[in-house]
Protein backbone atom coordinates (compact mmCIF):
# COMPACT_ATOMS: atom_id res chain seq x y z
CA UNK A 1 0.06 -0.01 0.04
CA UNK A 2 1.43 3.43 -1.14
CA UNK A 3 1.22 6.57 0.77
CA UNK A 4 -2.17 7.48 -0.57
CA UNK A 5 -3.43 4.20 0.80
CA UNK A 6 -2.23 5.02 4.37
CA UNK A 7 -3.70 8.63 4.04
CA UNK A 8 -6.94 7.31 2.76
CA UNK A 9 -7.11 4.54 5.69
CA UNK A 10 -6.39 7.30 8.28
CA UNK A 11 -9.26 9.59 6.94
CA UNK A 12 -11.66 6.69 6.85
CA UNK A 13 -10.83 5.79 10.56
CA UNK A 14 -11.22 9.43 11.54
CA UNK A 15 -14.72 9.60 9.62
CA UNK A 16 -15.73 6.43 11.35
CA UNK A 17 -14.67 7.60 14.81
CA UNK A 18 -16.35 10.97 14.25
CA UNK A 19 -19.47 9.15 13.22
CA UNK A 20 -19.61 7.18 16.32
CA UNK A 21 -19.00 10.17 18.58
CA UNK A 22 -21.72 12.12 16.68
CA UNK A 23 -24.15 9.02 16.99
CA UNK A 24 -23.66 8.69 20.72
CA UNK A 25 -24.06 12.48 21.16
CA UNK A 26 -27.34 12.22 19.48
CA UNK A 27 -28.53 9.37 21.55
CA UNK A 28 -27.68 10.84 24.94
CA UNK A 29 -29.95 13.86 25.70
CA UNK A 30 -28.31 17.09 26.54
CA UNK A 31 -29.52 18.71 29.86
CA UNK A 32 -29.47 22.31 28.42
CA UNK A 33 -31.34 21.35 25.18
CA UNK A 34 -34.02 19.37 27.22
CA UNK A 35 -34.60 22.22 29.44
CA UNK A 36 -34.91 24.70 26.63
CA UNK A 37 -37.23 22.33 24.63
CA UNK A 38 -39.67 21.99 27.38
CA UNK A 39 -39.67 25.71 28.34
CA UNK A 40 -40.14 26.73 24.54
CA UNK A 41 -43.78 25.25 24.64
CA UNK A 42 -44.49 26.41 28.22
CA UNK A 43 -47.59 28.54 29.08
CA UNK A 44 -46.72 32.15 29.73
CA UNK A 45 -48.53 31.96 32.98
CA UNK A 46 -46.47 29.17 34.12
CA UNK A 47 -43.27 30.99 33.17
CA UNK A 48 -44.40 34.00 35.25
CA UNK A 49 -45.43 31.72 38.25
CA UNK A 50 -41.82 30.21 37.98
CA UNK A 51 -40.04 33.47 37.86
CA UNK A 52 -41.89 34.73 40.90
CA UNK A 53 -41.23 31.31 42.82
CA UNK A 54 -37.51 31.67 41.95
CA UNK A 55 -37.30 35.28 43.19
CA UNK A 56 -36.69 36.75 39.73
CA UNK A 57 -39.68 39.13 40.15
CA UNK A 58 -41.34 40.72 43.01
CA UNK A 59 -45.17 40.44 43.71
CA UNK A 60 -46.12 43.91 42.32
CA UNK A 61 -44.42 43.16 39.05
CA UNK A 62 -45.95 39.54 39.05
CA UNK A 63 -49.42 41.10 39.58
CA UNK A 64 -48.87 43.79 36.74
CA UNK A 65 -47.62 41.09 34.34
CA UNK A 66 -50.41 38.73 35.25
CA UNK A 67 -53.01 41.48 34.57
CA UNK A 68 -51.60 41.92 30.95
CA UNK A 69 -51.67 38.14 30.32
CA UNK A 70 -55.28 37.64 31.51
CA UNK A 71 -57.94 38.61 28.90
CA UNK A 72 -59.45 42.08 29.66
CA UNK A 73 -63.11 42.08 30.54
CA UNK A 74 -65.52 43.65 28.01
CA UNK A 75 -67.12 46.57 29.93
CA UNK A 76 -70.01 48.59 28.59
CA UNK A 77 -71.40 45.68 26.59
CA UNK A 78 -74.76 44.09 27.61
């Protein structure tokens, strides 16, 4: 086998090992991606509740934002 054969063999092994690493990485769930994935479809009210519980916002801010999220009552209509 000439020099080109050795280079080709090395490149094939590198590609093979890279494919194995990629496959294992795809099988094992990443903690960050799972967290983002579940929060992406989370209800805005739950996000607001979680932020209040985590201490990110205070109660007046929570109430103000919650009022904006809730549908406004129709006044003056019978």
